[in-house]
Protein backbone atom coordinates (compact mmCIF):
# COMPACT_ATOMS: atom_id res chain seq x y z
CA UNK A 1 87.73 120.80 138.63
CA UNK A 2 91.09 120.73 140.38
CA UNK A 3 94.20 120.28 138.29
CA UNK A 4 96.19 117.75 140.31
CA UNK A 5 99.36 118.54 138.37
CA UNK A 6 99.34 122.20 139.36
CA UNK A 7 101.16 122.94 142.62
CA UNK A 8 98.89 124.23 145.33
CA UNK A 9 99.91 127.52 146.95
CA UNK A 10 101.44 127.36 150.40
CA UNK A 11 98.85 128.82 152.85
CA UNK A 12 101.59 130.64 154.74
CA UNK A 13 102.93 132.22 151.50
CA UNK A 14 99.36 133.23 150.58
CA UNK A 15 98.99 135.10 153.88
CA UNK A 16 102.21 137.03 153.21
CA UNK A 17 100.92 138.41 149.90
CA UNK A 18 100.02 142.08 149.82
CA UNK A 19 96.87 143.48 148.22
CA UNK A 20 99.08 144.75 145.44
CA UNK A 21 100.34 141.19 144.77
CA UNK A 22 96.77 140.09 144.29
CA UNK A 23 96.03 142.96 141.91
CA UNK A 24 99.19 142.30 139.90
CA UNK A 25 98.08 138.68 139.58
CA UNK A 26 94.61 139.84 138.47
CA UNK A 27 96.13 142.10 135.79
CA UNK A 28 98.27 139.22 134.52
CA UNK A 29 95.22 136.97 134.40
CA UNK A 30 93.22 139.65 132.56
CA UNK A 31 95.99 140.07 129.96
CA UNK A 32 96.12 136.29 129.43
CA UNK A 33 92.33 136.12 129.08
CA UNK A 34 92.41 138.96 126.56
CA UNK A 35 95.16 137.26 124.59
CA UNK A 36 93.24 133.99 124.50
CA UNK A 37 90.05 135.77 123.43
CA UNK A 38 91.84 137.66 120.63
CA UNK A 39 93.33 134.35 119.46
CA UNK A 40 89.84 132.83 119.51
CA UNK A 41 88.50 135.73 117.45
CA UNK A 42 91.33 135.33 114.90
CA UNK A 43 90.54 131.60 114.68
CA UNK A 44 86.87 132.44 114.04
CA UNK A 45 87.86 134.89 111.29
CA UNK A 46 90.14 132.23 109.80
CA UNK A 47 87.30 129.67 109.80
CA UNK A 48 84.92 132.18 108.21
CA UNK A 49 87.37 133.12 105.47
CA UNK A 50 88.97 129.71 104.89
CA UNK A 51 92.43 131.01 105.81
CA UNK A 52 94.90 129.64 108.33
CA UNK A 53 95.01 131.60 111.58
CA UNK A 54 98.81 131.71 111.24
CA UNK A 55 98.39 133.34 107.82
CA UNK A 56 96.22 136.06 109.31
CA UNK A 57 98.84 136.64 111.97
CA UNK A 58 101.50 136.89 109.25
CA UNK A 59 99.34 139.35 107.29
CA UNK A 60 99.06 141.52 110.42
CA UNK A 61 102.83 141.41 110.94
CA UNK A 62 103.56 142.34 107.31
CA UNK A 63 100.93 145.08 107.39
CA UNK A 64 102.32 146.59 110.60
CA UNK A 65 105.87 146.57 109.27
CA UNK A 66 104.75 148.30 106.07
CA UNK A 67 102.77 150.89 108.06
CA UNK A 68 105.92 151.69 110.05
CA UNK A 69 108.04 152.05 106.91
CA UNK A 70 110.04 148.91 107.61
CA UNK A 71 109.10 146.37 104.94
CA UNK A 72 110.13 142.91 105.85
CA UNK A 73 111.56 140.01 103.95
CA UNK A 74 110.58 136.36 104.15
CA UNK A 75 113.40 135.64 106.56
CA UNK A 76 112.28 138.49 108.84
CA UNK A 77 108.74 137.08 108.83
CA UNK A 78 110.06 133.60 109.67
CA UNK A 79 112.11 134.89 112.58
CA UNK A 80 109.19 136.97 113.85
CA UNK A 81 106.79 134.02 113.75
CA UNK A 82 109.34 131.35 114.66
CA UNK A 83 108.81 129.44 111.44
CA UNK A 84 111.20 127.46 109.24
CA UNK A 85 112.01 128.73 105.75
CA UNK A 86 109.86 125.95 104.25
CA UNK A 87 106.89 126.89 106.43
CA UNK A 88 107.28 130.57 105.51
CA UNK A 89 107.47 129.70 101.81
CA UNK A 90 104.24 127.68 101.99
CA UNK A 91 102.57 130.47 103.97
CA UNK A 92 103.65 133.13 101.46
CA UNK A 93 102.26 131.05 98.59
CA UNK A 94 98.90 130.91 100.37
CA UNK A 95 99.03 134.63 101.18
CA UNK A 96 99.83 135.50 97.56
CA UNK A 97 97.01 133.26 96.24
CA UNK A 98 94.60 135.00 98.65
CA UNK A 99 95.80 138.37 97.33
CA UNK A 100 97.16 139.59 100.67
CA UNK A 101 100.83 140.00 99.89
CA UNK A 102 103.13 140.57 96.93
CA UNK A 103 106.80 139.75 96.83
CA UNK A 104 109.02 142.43 95.34
CA UNK A 105 112.77 142.73 94.94
CA UNK A 106 114.53 145.21 97.18
CA UNK A 107 115.93 148.08 95.18
CA UNK A 108 119.38 148.03 96.80
CA UNK A 109 119.76 144.25 96.85
CA UNK A 110 118.06 142.31 94.09
CA UNK A 111 118.52 139.06 95.99
CA UNK A 112 116.36 140.25 98.90
CA UNK A 113 112.63 139.78 98.51
CA UNK A 114 110.35 142.17 100.36
CA UNK A 115 106.79 141.43 101.34
CA UNK A 116 104.27 144.13 100.46
CA UNK A 117 100.69 144.04 101.72
CA UNK A 118 98.09 144.67 99.04
CA UNK A 119 95.12 147.00 99.12
CA UNK A 120 93.00 143.90 99.67
CA UNK A 121 94.96 143.24 102.87
CA UNK A 122 93.96 146.60 104.31
CA UNK A 123 90.34 146.26 103.15
CA UNK A 124 89.92 142.68 104.39
CA UNK A 125 91.57 143.26 107.74
CA UNK A 126 89.57 146.42 108.36
CA UNK A 127 86.32 144.61 107.49
CA UNK A 128 87.03 141.31 109.24
CA UNK A 129 88.35 142.84 112.44
CA UNK A 130 85.85 145.70 112.57
CA UNK A 131 83.53 144.02 115.13
CA UNK A 132 86.44 143.53 117.57
CA UNK A 133 87.83 147.01 116.89
CA UNK A 134 84.40 148.59 117.38
CA UNK A 135 84.00 146.68 120.65
CA UNK A 136 87.39 147.93 121.85
CA UNK A 137 86.46 151.49 120.88
CA UNK A 138 83.14 151.23 122.78
CA UNK A 139 84.97 150.12 125.92
CA UNK A 140 87.79 152.63 125.63
CA UNK A 141 85.40 155.56 125.05
CA UNK A 142 84.48 155.23 128.75
CA UNK A 143 87.96 156.33 129.83
CA UNK A 144 89.64 159.72 130.00
CA UNK A 145 92.65 160.54 127.83
CA UNK A 146 94.83 160.34 130.95
CA UNK A 147 93.52 156.87 131.82
CA UNK A 148 94.01 155.70 128.26
CA UNK A 149 97.61 156.97 128.34
CA UNK A 150 98.24 154.85 131.45
CA UNK A 151 96.59 151.79 129.84
CA UNK A 152 98.73 152.26 126.73
CA UNK A 153 101.89 152.60 128.83
CA UNK A 154 101.09 149.49 130.83
CA UNK A 155 100.31 147.41 127.72
CA UNK A 156 103.50 148.60 125.99
CA UNK A 157 105.57 147.77 129.05
CA UNK A 158 103.93 144.35 129.32
CA UNK A 159 104.71 143.76 125.66
CA UNK A 160 108.33 144.74 126.26
CA UNK A 161 108.57 142.43 129.29
CA UNK A 162 107.16 139.62 127.15
CA UNK A 163 109.73 140.35 124.42
CA UNK A 164 112.52 140.28 127.04
CA UNK A 165 111.25 136.93 128.34
CA UNK A 166 111.13 135.60 124.75
CA UNK A 167 114.73 136.79 124.21
CA UNK A 168 115.77 134.99 127.39
CA UNK A 169 114.17 131.74 126.16
CA UNK A 170 116.06 132.14 122.88
CA UNK A 171 119.31 132.45 124.81
CA UNK A 172 118.55 129.26 126.74
CA UNK A 173 117.61 127.41 123.55
CA UNK A 174 120.97 128.28 122.09
CA UNK A 175 122.75 127.21 125.29
CA UNK A 176 123.96 130.70 126.06
CA UNK A 177 122.66 130.77 129.64
CA UNK A 178 120.76 133.74 131.06
CA UNK A 179 120.40 136.77 128.76
C-alpha cells in the first residue's frame, strides 16, 4: 500500500546516491525495526504481568542508574521519561505497590527522595526479559570479539546521535533556536 502523504523520492536524486548511502539507510531502518520490536516485547511483558509498559521502562531506567552508582530522584526520572510530576508520582505509586522500587531520603539532603530498585526488580527483569536476552546472546555468539566491539561502538554512537537530536528538539521547544 502506498502512503500518499509520504513524499516520493526524486528519481534523479535516487540515481545520485552511492552504495554507502543505501547501506546507511538500511542500517537506520534496521535500528528502527529493532527499536519497534523491543517496544513490542516490552508491551507483551506488560500485558503478561499487568503492568504499564511505561512503568517497565521506568524500572529499567531506575535499575540502570542504581547499577551505575547514580541513584535518581523522582524529578530525574520525570525528566528522563519526559513526564509531568503528577504522572511520575502516579507511576511511582504503582511501582511501589508492585514491589519494584522504594523511595528513600538522600543522606545529604533530607528533602530529596531517591528511587531504589528492590531485589524483586532485578529478579523480575531478569526472568521477564530472559527470552529476549537469550535470543540476543544466541545471535551475538556468531560474531568475533572484534566485530562485537564495532557493533557496540556503532550502537553507542547512534545512541549519542539520538540524544543530540533530542537535545536539539528541547532547544526548539523552549524557543532557543538551534542547539
